[in-house]
């Protein structure tokens, strides 16, 4: 797919970790970028693979960073996984490795969390992970239970460094059981479909802006939307030439993207 002129882009799916903020700090220029999108009539949806918090929690965090956002402006891999479980599977009793916030999101959707005879194992980015959780998950996976994960990210960027994410926990479980999960979040193109529906967006005029090649850019390219990579998070410039993903545009940050959009008219 050839690059769409920046001036034609009217809808933006925006990664958060490493793109809009790192840990408790906004990426320089992020507030101005979001304000520019709003002022220019462009629509956006924050689009994160991090299921540790729900939309309300992320909305609160963004507002604290000076970025205007409501829960309706956010789609997490946790929400996408919950939607998938409810609408696409018969699994209602789940063994979950995830944060209390993710567990509550599942419960609000009418799903039951249990250690006894679950229908499936569900894995998320779990900052409350314990050996007991891993042990139970291994035993269940060896029994052959269906296995679903929110996102394949290997690390989560923070302002103090990179920490293990859902993909790394899945790698540990795969080493112990030989089982790999079905991932629901990026780069699954179903995330794009959900995002386009929320925005009422035209794919030909939609861009994914993110810092990861193997999730953000891979998903955009699979879905046939514009792929815009920023180098403020996981990806480094020297990785681009050798990577199988070739973004349509590359910028140092969303601040530089704002400048390019302004210059494009």
Protein backbone atom coordinates (compact mmCIF):
# COMPACT_ATOMS: atom_id res chain seq x y z
CA UNK A 1 0.00 0.00 0.00
CA UNK A 2 1.52 3.36 -1.01
CA UNK A 3 1.78 6.12 1.56
CA UNK A 4 -1.30 8.29 1.96
CA UNK A 5 -0.44 12.02 2.07
CA UNK A 6 -0.40 13.25 5.65
CA UNK A 7 -2.92 15.93 4.75
CA UNK A 8 -5.48 13.21 3.87
CA UNK A 9 -5.31 11.55 7.27
CA UNK A 10 -8.32 12.39 9.43
CA UNK A 11 -8.47 9.50 11.93
CA UNK A 12 -5.71 8.43 14.29
CA UNK A 13 -5.34 5.29 16.39
CA UNK A 14 -2.81 6.29 19.04
CA UNK A 15 -0.67 3.92 21.06
CA UNK A 16 -0.01 5.21 24.58
CA UNK A 17 3.00 3.55 26.26
CA UNK A 18 6.11 4.88 24.53
CA UNK A 19 4.09 7.06 22.15
CA UNK A 20 2.08 9.51 24.26
CA UNK A 21 3.78 8.93 27.60
CA UNK A 22 6.50 6.98 29.38
CA UNK A 23 5.46 5.97 32.88
CA UNK A 24 4.24 9.05 34.76
CA UNK A 25 5.50 11.57 32.19
CA UNK A 26 4.03 12.74 28.90
CA UNK A 27 6.29 12.48 25.84
CA UNK A 28 7.45 16.03 24.99
CA UNK A 29 4.98 17.54 22.55
CA UNK A 30 2.20 15.00 23.23
CA UNK A 31 -0.21 17.51 24.77
CA UNK A 32 0.26 19.88 21.84
CA UNK A 33 -0.18 17.03 19.34
CA UNK A 34 -3.53 15.96 20.82
CA UNK A 35 -4.68 19.59 21.05
CA UNK A 36 -3.76 20.04 17.37
CA UNK A 37 -5.76 16.97 16.32
CA UNK A 38 -8.82 18.32 18.13
CA UNK A 39 -8.42 21.86 16.80
CA UNK A 40 -8.00 20.64 13.21
CA UNK A 41 -11.14 18.48 13.37
CA UNK A 42 -9.30 15.16 13.27
CA UNK A 43 -10.61 12.29 15.38
CA UNK A 44 -8.52 9.97 17.50
CA UNK A 45 -8.74 6.90 19.69
CA UNK A 46 -6.14 5.93 22.25
CA UNK A 47 -5.22 2.38 21.44
CA UNK A 48 -3.17 0.44 23.96
CA UNK A 49 -2.03 -3.15 24.32
CA UNK A 50 -1.63 -2.63 28.07
CA UNK A 51 -4.62 -4.23 29.85
CA UNK A 52 -3.40 -3.43 33.37
CA UNK A 53 -5.99 -0.65 33.65
CA UNK A 54 -9.44 -0.10 32.16
CA UNK A 55 -10.57 2.82 29.99
CA UNK A 56 -11.63 4.94 32.98
CA UNK A 57 -8.22 4.54 34.62
CA UNK A 58 -6.35 5.46 31.44
CA UNK A 59 -8.63 8.43 30.87
CA UNK A 60 -7.80 9.69 34.36
CA UNK A 61 -4.07 9.23 33.76
CA UNK A 62 -4.16 11.08 30.44
CA UNK A 63 -6.08 13.98 31.99
CA UNK A 64 -3.51 14.19 34.80
CA UNK A 65 -0.84 14.51 32.09
CA UNK A 66 -2.73 17.41 30.48
CA UNK A 67 -4.17 15.32 27.64
CA UNK A 68 -7.92 15.53 27.09
CA UNK A 69 -9.52 12.08 27.03
CA UNK A 70 -12.70 10.36 28.16
CA UNK A 71 -13.18 6.59 28.63
CA UNK A 72 -14.93 6.56 25.24
CA UNK A 73 -11.67 7.77 23.65
CA UNK A 74 -9.78 4.63 24.70
CA UNK A 75 -9.64 1.02 23.53
CA UNK A 76 -7.43 -1.37 25.50
CA UNK A 77 -6.44 -4.94 24.70
CA UNK A 78 -8.25 -5.83 27.92
CA UNK A 79 -11.53 -4.45 26.56
CA UNK A 80 -10.90 -6.15 23.20
CA UNK A 81 -10.23 -9.48 24.93
CA UNK A 82 -13.33 -9.14 27.06
CA UNK A 83 -15.43 -8.38 23.97
CA UNK A 84 -13.93 -11.38 22.19
CA UNK A 85 -14.63 -13.75 25.07
CA UNK A 86 -18.24 -12.59 25.41
CA UNK A 87 -19.16 -12.44 21.72
CA UNK A 88 -16.92 -15.04 20.06
CA UNK A 89 -16.48 -17.87 22.57
CA UNK A 90 -18.55 -20.05 24.93
CA UNK A 91 -15.98 -19.60 27.72
CA UNK A 92 -17.59 -18.12 30.82
CA UNK A 93 -15.49 -19.59 33.66
CA UNK A 94 -11.92 -18.35 33.45
CA UNK A 95 -8.60 -18.86 35.16
CA UNK A 96 -6.95 -15.43 34.85
CA UNK A 97 -3.41 -14.14 35.23
CA UNK A 98 -3.96 -10.39 35.33
CA UNK A 99 -4.23 -7.31 37.47
CA UNK A 100 -7.25 -6.69 39.73
CA UNK A 101 -8.40 -4.00 37.27
CA UNK A 102 -8.43 -6.48 34.37
CA UNK A 103 -10.20 -9.07 36.53
CA UNK A 104 -12.90 -6.54 37.41
CA UNK A 105 -13.35 -5.69 33.73
CA UNK A 106 -14.04 -9.37 33.00
CA UNK A 107 -16.45 -9.67 35.95
CA UNK A 108 -18.38 -6.55 34.86
CA UNK A 109 -18.92 -8.29 31.51
CA UNK A 110 -20.57 -11.23 33.29
CA UNK A 111 -17.60 -13.63 33.25
CA UNK A 112 -16.65 -15.76 36.25
CA UNK A 113 -13.12 -16.04 37.62
CA UNK A 114 -12.31 -19.40 39.15
CA UNK A 115 -9.54 -21.80 40.13
CA UNK A 116 -11.87 -24.78 39.83
CA UNK A 117 -12.71 -26.36 36.48
CA UNK A 118 -12.35 -23.24 34.30
CA UNK A 119 -13.32 -23.21 30.63
CA UNK A 120 -10.16 -21.38 29.55
CA UNK A 121 -6.92 -19.75 30.71
CA UNK A 122 -6.62 -16.00 30.10
CA UNK A 123 -3.27 -14.24 30.35
CA UNK A 124 -2.64 -10.49 30.57
CA UNK A 125 0.18 -8.13 31.53
CA UNK A 126 0.17 -9.02 35.21
CA UNK A 127 2.05 -6.80 37.65
CA UNK A 128 0.61 -8.95 40.46
CA UNK A 129 2.09 -12.17 39.05
CA UNK A 130 3.08 -14.86 41.56
CA UNK A 131 4.65 -18.29 41.25
CA UNK A 132 1.38 -19.79 42.47
CA UNK A 133 -0.45 -18.24 39.49
CA UNK A 134 2.18 -19.59 37.07
CA UNK A 135 2.06 -23.04 38.63
CA UNK A 136 -1.73 -23.29 38.33
CA UNK A 137 -1.67 -21.95 34.75
CA UNK A 138 0.93 -24.56 33.76
CA UNK A 139 -1.17 -27.39 35.18
CA UNK A 140 -4.29 -26.19 33.37
CA UNK A 141 -2.50 -25.65 30.06
CA UNK A 142 -1.07 -29.16 30.22
CA UNK A 143 -4.66 -30.38 30.50
CA UNK A 144 -5.31 -28.76 27.11
CA UNK A 145 -7.58 -25.88 28.14
CA UNK A 146 -8.14 -23.09 25.59
CA UNK A 147 -5.55 -20.36 26.08
CA UNK A 148 -6.07 -16.66 25.28
CA UNK A 149 -3.80 -13.67 25.92
CA UNK A 150 -4.41 -9.96 25.72
CA UNK A 151 -1.21 -8.91 23.93
CA UNK A 152 2.16 -10.22 22.66
CA UNK A 153 4.31 -7.28 23.84
CA UNK A 154 7.56 -8.58 25.29
CA UNK A 155 8.31 -5.49 27.36
CA UNK A 156 6.43 -2.51 28.75
CA UNK A 157 8.32 0.80 28.54
CA UNK A 158 8.54 2.89 31.70
CA UNK A 159 10.45 6.02 32.60
CA UNK A 160 12.93 3.81 34.51
CA UNK A 161 13.42 1.12 31.85
CA UNK A 162 11.71 -1.82 30.17
CA UNK A 163 9.87 -4.41 32.27
CA UNK A 164 8.43 -7.84 31.31
CA UNK A 165 5.04 -7.64 29.59
CA UNK A 166 2.45 -10.25 28.64
CA UNK A 167 4.54 -11.68 25.79
CA UNK A 168 7.40 -12.46 28.15
CA UNK A 169 5.08 -14.21 30.61
CA UNK A 170 3.65 -16.19 27.69
CA UNK A 171 7.19 -17.19 26.66
CA UNK A 172 7.82 -18.54 30.16
CA UNK A 173 4.59 -20.55 30.06
CA UNK A 174 5.38 -21.82 26.57
CA UNK A 175 8.80 -23.03 27.74
CA UNK A 176 7.08 -24.94 30.56
CA UNK A 177 4.08 -26.32 28.64
CA UNK A 178 4.75 -26.10 24.90
CA UNK A 179 1.55 -24.03 24.57
CA UNK A 180 1.28 -20.60 22.95
CA UNK A 181 -1.85 -18.45 23.36
CA UNK A 182 -4.20 -16.85 20.88
CA UNK A 183 -3.45 -13.14 21.13
CA UNK A 184 -6.34 -10.68 20.88
CA UNK A 185 -4.56 -7.29 21.04
CA UNK A 186 -2.22 -5.71 18.52
CA UNK A 187 -1.18 -6.91 15.93
CA UNK A 188 -4.54 -8.67 15.60
CA UNK A 189 -6.44 -6.69 12.93
CA UNK A 190 -9.62 -7.18 14.95
CA UNK A 191 -8.32 -4.35 17.15
CA UNK A 192 -8.34 -2.07 14.09
CA UNK A 193 -11.87 -3.17 13.20
CA UNK A 194 -13.07 -2.32 16.72
CA UNK A 195 -11.27 1.02 16.58
CA UNK A 196 -12.71 1.97 13.19
CA UNK A 197 -16.19 1.12 14.43
CA UNK A 198 -15.76 3.29 17.52
CA UNK A 199 -14.57 6.24 15.41
CA UNK A 200 -16.84 5.69 12.42
CA UNK A 201 -13.61 5.99 10.44
CA UNK A 202 -12.67 5.48 6.80
CA UNK A 203 -9.69 3.04 6.73
CA UNK A 204 -8.16 4.88 3.76
CA UNK A 205 -7.89 8.03 5.88
CA UNK A 206 -6.82 6.33 9.12
CA UNK A 207 -3.33 6.02 10.64
CA UNK A 208 -1.90 3.96 13.46
CA UNK A 209 0.73 5.85 15.44
CA UNK A 210 2.96 3.74 17.68
CA UNK A 211 6.45 2.87 18.84
CA UNK A 212 6.53 -0.91 18.30
CA UNK A 213 7.24 -2.52 14.94
CA UNK A 214 5.94 -6.00 15.77
CA UNK A 215 2.61 -4.85 17.21
CA UNK A 216 1.64 -1.29 16.18
CA UNK A 217 3.22 -1.26 12.72
CA UNK A 218 2.55 -4.92 11.97
CA UNK A 219 -1.15 -4.44 12.74
CA UNK A 220 -1.44 -1.27 10.65
CA UNK A 221 0.20 -2.91 7.65
CA UNK A 222 -1.95 -6.05 7.96
CA UNK A 223 -5.10 -3.92 8.21
CA UNK A 224 -4.23 -1.71 5.24
CA UNK A 225 -4.10 1.58 7.16
CA UNK A 226 -1.26 4.09 7.32
CA UNK A 227 1.59 3.03 9.62
CA UNK A 228 3.37 5.86 11.46
CA UNK A 229 6.27 4.84 13.69
CA UNK A 230 7.62 7.10 16.43
CA UNK A 231 11.05 6.56 17.96
CA UNK A 232 10.13 7.72 21.47
CA UNK A 233 9.62 4.22 22.86
CA UNK A 234 10.83 0.72 22.02
CA UNK A 235 11.95 1.05 18.38
CA UNK A 236 15.31 2.60 17.53
CA UNK A 237 16.25 4.09 14.16
CA UNK A 238 18.94 1.46 13.55
CA UNK A 239 16.32 -1.32 13.77
CA UNK A 240 14.22 -0.02 10.89
CA UNK A 241 16.36 -1.17 7.96
CA UNK A 242 16.47 -4.80 9.08
CA UNK A 243 12.87 -5.04 10.28
CA UNK A 244 10.26 -6.91 8.20
CA UNK A 245 7.78 -4.07 8.86
CA UNK A 246 8.24 -0.92 6.78
CA UNK A 247 6.21 1.99 8.18
CA UNK A 248 4.90 4.58 5.78
CA UNK A 249 6.25 7.38 7.97
CA UNK A 250 8.83 7.60 10.78
CA UNK A 251 9.13 10.50 13.24
CA UNK A 252 11.16 11.05 16.37
CA UNK A 253 7.99 11.71 18.36
CA UNK A 254 4.37 12.79 18.07
CA UNK A 255 5.66 16.34 18.50
CA UNK A 256 7.51 16.02 15.18
CA UNK A 257 4.44 14.38 13.63
CA UNK A 258 2.39 17.44 14.63
CA UNK A 259 4.86 19.68 12.83
CA UNK A 260 4.65 17.52 9.71
CA UNK A 261 0.85 17.56 9.76
CA UNK A 262 0.84 21.34 10.12
CA UNK A 263 3.26 21.67 7.19
CA UNK A 264 1.16 19.34 5.01
CA UNK A 265 -1.79 21.68 5.19
